[in-house]
């Protein structure tokens, strides 16, 4: 028996002779599986991003409140400090009230559009911390997105809880 390359390839189990390729049904099934997996991945990814965005905005507001409280407690410029909370921005200010503040010391922070603020009182609201003690009037601010909400509470001692 004479062996040559043509005979080896023809008798091999790796021979592609006689196979027609993929059928239309096989291709449709594979494409359907890929589309379903991509859709699930997109849905999970968007939900994770929405949660991250929500927590990030909540943390920004808490940080702004903590910054104003700390500035009052260490008596920077020997003045009270506070946060003027509006639905579309937060302003860290220095002074007895937002209306009588020194606007040269204002720091304006603009939140992202994925969340919004709510309050039992109409916005805008002022949160003012006393010098040295950090004491404030109690208030609750609610930050909300389309699915969940969190309360940021400031008690009468100025403690910020979320």
C-alpha atoms as a PDB file:
ATOM      1  CA  UNK A   1       0.000   0.000   0.000  1.00  0.00           C
ATOM      2  CA  UNK A   2       1.374   3.250  -1.099  1.00  0.00           C
ATOM      3  CA  UNK A   3       0.832   6.221   1.224  1.00  0.00           C
ATOM      4  CA  UNK A   4       0.853   9.681  -0.102  1.00  0.00           C
ATOM      5  CA  UNK A   5      -0.317  12.995   1.289  1.00  0.00           C
ATOM      6  CA  UNK A   6      -3.562  12.928  -0.680  1.00  0.00           C
ATOM      7  CA  UNK A   7      -4.546   9.530   0.727  1.00  0.00           C
ATOM      8  CA  UNK A   8      -3.689  10.544   4.303  1.00  0.00           C
ATOM      9  CA  UNK A   9      -5.773  13.736   4.108  1.00  0.00           C
ATOM     10  CA  UNK A  10      -8.697  11.954   2.413  1.00  0.00           C
ATOM     11  CA  UNK A  11      -8.849   9.200   5.052  1.00  0.00           C
ATOM     12  CA  UNK A  12      -8.184  11.517   8.003  1.00  0.00           C
ATOM     13  CA  UNK A  13     -10.904  12.389  10.493  1.00  0.00           C
ATOM     14  CA  UNK A  14     -10.029  16.041   9.868  1.00  0.00           C
ATOM     15  CA  UNK A  15     -11.114  15.860   6.274  1.00  0.00           C
ATOM     16  CA  UNK A  16     -13.539  18.595   5.297  1.00  0.00           C
ATOM     17  CA  UNK A  17     -14.692  16.767   2.249  1.00  0.00           C
ATOM     18  CA  UNK A  18     -18.401  16.071   2.297  1.00  0.00           C
ATOM     19  CA  UNK A  19     -19.281  18.706   4.922  1.00  0.00           C
ATOM     20  CA  UNK A  20     -21.449  21.582   3.855  1.00  0.00           C
ATOM     21  CA  UNK A  21     -20.757  24.124   6.659  1.00  0.00           C
ATOM     22  CA  UNK A  22     -23.263  25.609   9.099  1.00  0.00           C
ATOM     23  CA  UNK A  23     -26.971  25.444   8.521  1.00  0.00           C
ATOM     24  CA  UNK A  24     -29.179  28.513   8.675  1.00  0.00           C
ATOM     25  CA  UNK A  25     -30.804  27.251  11.893  1.00  0.00           C
ATOM     26  CA  UNK A  26     -27.410  26.946  13.618  1.00  0.00           C
ATOM     27  CA  UNK A  27     -26.458  30.487  12.633  1.00  0.00           C
ATOM     28  CA  UNK A  28     -29.802  31.900  13.851  1.00  0.00           C
ATOM     29  CA  UNK A  29     -29.483  30.072  17.199  1.00  0.00           C
ATOM     30  CA  UNK A  30     -25.953  31.406  17.763  1.00  0.00           C
ATOM     31  CA  UNK A  31     -26.944  34.974  16.826  1.00  0.00           C
ATOM     32  CA  UNK A  32     -29.963  34.774  19.160  1.00  0.00           C
ATOM     33  CA  UNK A  33     -27.797  33.608  22.066  1.00  0.00           C
ATOM     34  CA  UNK A  34     -25.269  36.400  21.442  1.00  0.00           C
ATOM     35  CA  UNK A  35     -28.024  39.050  21.282  1.00  0.00           C
ATOM     36  CA  UNK A  36     -29.609  37.799  24.529  1.00  0.00           C
ATOM     37  CA  UNK A  37     -26.266  37.819  26.345  1.00  0.00           C
ATOM     38  CA  UNK A  38     -25.439  41.311  25.049  1.00  0.00           C
ATOM     39  CA  UNK A  39     -28.850  42.609  26.127  1.00  0.00           C
ATOM     40  CA  UNK A  40     -28.460  41.185  29.631  1.00  0.00           C
ATOM     41  CA  UNK A  41     -24.965  42.641  29.887  1.00  0.00           C
ATOM     42  CA  UNK A  42     -26.199  46.068  28.817  1.00  0.00           C
ATOM     43  CA  UNK A  43     -29.080  45.961  31.310  1.00  0.00           C
ATOM     44  CA  UNK A  44     -26.803  44.947  34.199  1.00  0.00           C
ATOM     45  CA  UNK A  45     -24.211  47.530  33.185  1.00  0.00           C
ATOM     46  CA  UNK A  46     -26.713  50.391  33.048  1.00  0.00           C
ATOM     47  CA  UNK A  47     -28.160  49.416  36.424  1.00  0.00           C
ATOM     48  CA  UNK A  48     -24.686  49.378  37.960  1.00  0.00           C
ATOM     49  CA  UNK A  49     -23.912  52.782  36.442  1.00  0.00           C
ATOM     50  CA  UNK A  50     -27.193  54.251  37.716  1.00  0.00           C
ATOM     51  CA  UNK A  51     -26.417  52.984  41.224  1.00  0.00           C
ATOM     52  CA  UNK A  52     -22.902  54.402  41.063  1.00  0.00           C
ATOM     53  CA  UNK A  53     -24.190  57.776  39.869  1.00  0.00           C
ATOM     54  CA  UNK A  54     -26.800  57.880  42.627  1.00  0.00           C
ATOM     55  CA  UNK A  55     -24.316  57.062  45.398  1.00  0.00           C
ATOM     56  CA  UNK A  56     -21.831  59.532  43.980  1.00  0.00           C
ATOM     57  CA  UNK A  57     -24.323  62.416  44.038  1.00  0.00           C
ATOM     58  CA  UNK A  58     -25.399  61.548  47.577  1.00  0.00           C
ATOM     59  CA  UNK A  59     -21.764  61.501  48.680  1.00  0.00           C
ATOM     60  CA  UNK A  60     -21.141  64.898  47.052  1.00  0.00           C
ATOM     61  CA  UNK A  61     -23.990  66.496  49.015  1.00  0.00           C
ATOM     62  CA  UNK A  62     -22.848  64.883  52.273  1.00  0.00           C
ATOM     63  CA  UNK A  63     -19.277  66.072  51.632  1.00  0.00           C
ATOM     64  CA  UNK A  64     -20.467  69.620  50.973  1.00  0.00           C
ATOM     65  CA  UNK A  65     -22.411  69.614  54.243  1.00  0.00           C
ATOM     66  CA  UNK A  66     -19.425  68.192  56.142  1.00  0.00           C
ATOM     67  CA  UNK A  67     -17.128  70.808  54.624  1.00  0.00           C
ATOM     68  CA  UNK A  68     -19.364  73.673  55.782  1.00  0.00           C
ATOM     69  CA  UNK A  69     -19.709  72.166  59.262  1.00  0.00           C
ATOM     70  CA  UNK A  70     -15.957  71.710  59.599  1.00  0.00           C
ATOM     71  CA  UNK A  71     -15.307  75.287  58.432  1.00  0.00           C
ATOM     72  CA  UNK A  72     -17.648  76.530  61.172  1.00  0.00           C
ATOM     73  CA  UNK A  73     -16.143  74.291  63.827  1.00  0.00           C
ATOM     74  CA  UNK A  74     -12.576  75.446  63.148  1.00  0.00           C
ATOM     75  CA  UNK A  75     -13.890  79.024  62.959  1.00  0.00           C
ATOM     76  CA  UNK A  76     -12.466  79.912  59.540  1.00  0.00           C
ATOM     77  CA  UNK A  77     -12.567  83.705  59.127  1.00  0.00           C
ATOM     78  CA  UNK A  78     -14.379  83.812  62.480  1.00  0.00           C
ATOM     79  CA  UNK A  79     -17.736  83.301  60.780  1.00  0.00           C
ATOM     80  CA  UNK A  80     -20.565  80.819  60.482  1.00  0.00           C
ATOM     81  CA  UNK A  81     -20.626  78.619  57.398  1.00  0.00           C
ATOM     82  CA  UNK A  82     -23.496  76.929  55.670  1.00  0.00           C
ATOM     83  CA  UNK A  83     -24.871  75.335  52.543  1.00  0.00           C
ATOM     84  CA  UNK A  84     -27.606  76.858  50.402  1.00  0.00           C
ATOM     85  CA  UNK A  85     -29.355  73.851  48.842  1.00  0.00           C
ATOM     86  CA  UNK A  86     -31.276  74.331  45.613  1.00  0.00           C
ATOM     87  CA  UNK A  87     -32.602  71.668  43.280  1.00  0.00           C
ATOM     88  CA  UNK A  88     -29.882  72.340  40.691  1.00  0.00           C
ATOM     89  CA  UNK A  89     -26.881  73.411  42.825  1.00  0.00           C
ATOM     90  CA  UNK A  90     -25.340  73.621  46.271  1.00  0.00           C
ATOM     91  CA  UNK A  91     -23.568  76.759  47.472  1.00  0.00           C
ATOM     92  CA  UNK A  92     -21.132  76.641  50.379  1.00  0.00           C
ATOM     93  CA  UNK A  93     -21.193  80.120  51.904  1.00  0.00           C
ATOM     94  CA  UNK A  94     -19.765  82.098  54.778  1.00  0.00           C
ATOM     95  CA  UNK A  95     -21.987  84.339  56.884  1.00  0.00           C
ATOM     96  CA  UNK A  96     -24.981  84.496  59.190  1.00  0.00           C
ATOM     97  CA  UNK A  97     -27.439  83.709  56.371  1.00  0.00           C
ATOM     98  CA  UNK A  98     -27.294  83.097  52.653  1.00  0.00           C
ATOM     99  CA  UNK A  99     -28.769  86.550  51.983  1.00  0.00           C
ATOM    100  CA  UNK A 100     -26.202  88.370  54.162  1.00  0.00           C
ATOM    101  CA  UNK A 101     -23.221  86.185  53.189  1.00  0.00           C
ATOM    102  CA  UNK A 102     -19.904  87.337  51.785  1.00  0.00           C
ATOM    103  CA  UNK A 103     -20.277  86.185  48.165  1.00  0.00           C
ATOM    104  CA  UNK A 104     -16.488  86.292  47.656  1.00  0.00           C
ATOM    105  CA  UNK A 105     -16.234  83.048  49.625  1.00  0.00           C
ATOM    106  CA  UNK A 106     -19.016  81.174  47.778  1.00  0.00           C
ATOM    107  CA  UNK A 107     -18.255  77.748  46.370  1.00  0.00           C
ATOM    108  CA  UNK A 108     -20.895  76.536  43.934  1.00  0.00           C
ATOM    109  CA  UNK A 109     -21.273  72.823  43.262  1.00  0.00           C
ATOM    110  CA  UNK A 110     -23.537  71.612  40.466  1.00  0.00           C
ATOM    111  CA  UNK A 111     -24.872  68.062  40.867  1.00  0.00           C
ATOM    112  CA  UNK A 112     -25.380  65.688  37.957  1.00  0.00           C
ATOM    113  CA  UNK A 113     -28.776  65.410  36.342  1.00  0.00           C
ATOM    114  CA  UNK A 114     -29.455  61.788  37.326  1.00  0.00           C
ATOM    115  CA  UNK A 115     -30.773  62.661  40.794  1.00  0.00           C
ATOM    116  CA  UNK A 116     -32.846  65.382  42.376  1.00  0.00           C
ATOM    117  CA  UNK A 117     -33.424  66.774  45.840  1.00  0.00           C
ATOM    118  CA  UNK A 118     -36.611  66.766  47.781  1.00  0.00           C
ATOM    119  CA  UNK A 119     -37.421  68.289  51.128  1.00  0.00           C
ATOM    120  CA  UNK A 120     -40.485  68.537  53.362  1.00  0.00           C
ATOM    121  CA  UNK A 121     -39.935  72.273  53.072  1.00  0.00           C
ATOM    122  CA  UNK A 122     -39.783  74.062  49.735  1.00  0.00           C
ATOM    123  CA  UNK A 123     -36.342  74.426  48.209  1.00  0.00           C
ATOM    124  CA  UNK A 124     -34.073  76.344  48.435  1.00  0.00           C
ATOM    125  CA  UNK A 125     -33.064  75.509  51.989  1.00  0.00           C
ATOM    126  CA  UNK A 126     -30.193  76.864  54.066  1.00  0.00           C
ATOM    127  CA  UNK A 127     -28.217  74.689  56.441  1.00  0.00           C
ATOM    128  CA  UNK A 128     -26.160  76.970  58.702  1.00  0.00           C
ATOM    129  CA  UNK A 129     -23.649  75.661  61.242  1.00  0.00           C
ATOM    130  CA  UNK A 130     -22.701  77.669  64.340  1.00  0.00           C
ATOM    131  CA  UNK A 131     -19.119  78.696  64.946  1.00  0.00           C
ATOM    132  CA  UNK A 132     -16.963  76.359  67.040  1.00  0.00           C
ATOM    133  CA  UNK A 133     -19.815  73.971  67.921  1.00  0.00           C
ATOM    134  CA  UNK A 134     -21.127  73.030  64.467  1.00  0.00           C
ATOM    135  CA  UNK A 135     -24.672  73.114  65.844  1.00  0.00           C
ATOM    136  CA  UNK A 136     -27.434  73.468  63.260  1.00  0.00           C
ATOM    137  CA  UNK A 137     -31.195  73.463  62.999  1.00  0.00           C
ATOM    138  CA  UNK A 138     -32.468  69.945  62.299  1.00  0.00           C
ATOM    139  CA  UNK A 139     -33.365  69.246  58.687  1.00  0.00           C
ATOM    140  CA  UNK A 140     -33.860  66.255  56.410  1.00  0.00           C
ATOM    141  CA  UNK A 141     -32.912  66.380  52.736  1.00  0.00           C
ATOM    142  CA  UNK A 142     -33.982  63.546  50.452  1.00  0.00           C
ATOM    143  CA  UNK A 143     -31.946  62.690  47.386  1.00  0.00           C
ATOM    144  CA  UNK A 144     -33.846  60.661  44.791  1.00  0.00           C
ATOM    145  CA  UNK A 145     -33.371  58.991  41.442  1.00  0.00           C
ATOM    146  CA  UNK A 146     -36.023  57.160  39.448  1.00  0.00           C
ATOM    147  CA  UNK A 147     -35.824  54.040  41.640  1.00  0.00           C
ATOM    148  CA  UNK A 148     -34.571  54.782  45.146  1.00  0.00           C
ATOM    149  CA  UNK A 149     -34.154  57.595  47.625  1.00  0.00           C
ATOM    150  CA  UNK A 150     -31.989  58.355  50.658  1.00  0.00           C
ATOM    151  CA  UNK A 151     -32.498  60.717  53.545  1.00  0.00           C
ATOM    152  CA  UNK A 152     -29.661  62.947  54.657  1.00  0.00           C
ATOM    153  CA  UNK A 153     -30.476  64.075  58.167  1.00  0.00           C
ATOM    154  CA  UNK A 154     -28.857  66.833  60.182  1.00  0.00           C
ATOM    155  CA  UNK A 155     -29.810  66.805  63.848  1.00  0.00           C
ATOM    156  CA  UNK A 156     -29.850  69.742  66.272  1.00  0.00           C
ATOM    157  CA  UNK A 157     -26.208  69.077  67.203  1.00  0.00           C
ATOM    158  CA  UNK A 158     -25.110  69.328  63.575  1.00  0.00           C
ATOM    159  CA  UNK A 159     -24.477  65.616  63.122  1.00  0.00           C
ATOM    160  CA  UNK A 160     -24.918  64.549  59.497  1.00  0.00           C
ATOM    161  CA  UNK A 161     -26.402  61.069  58.982  1.00  0.00           C
ATOM    162  CA  UNK A 162     -27.188  59.320  55.717  1.00  0.00           C
END
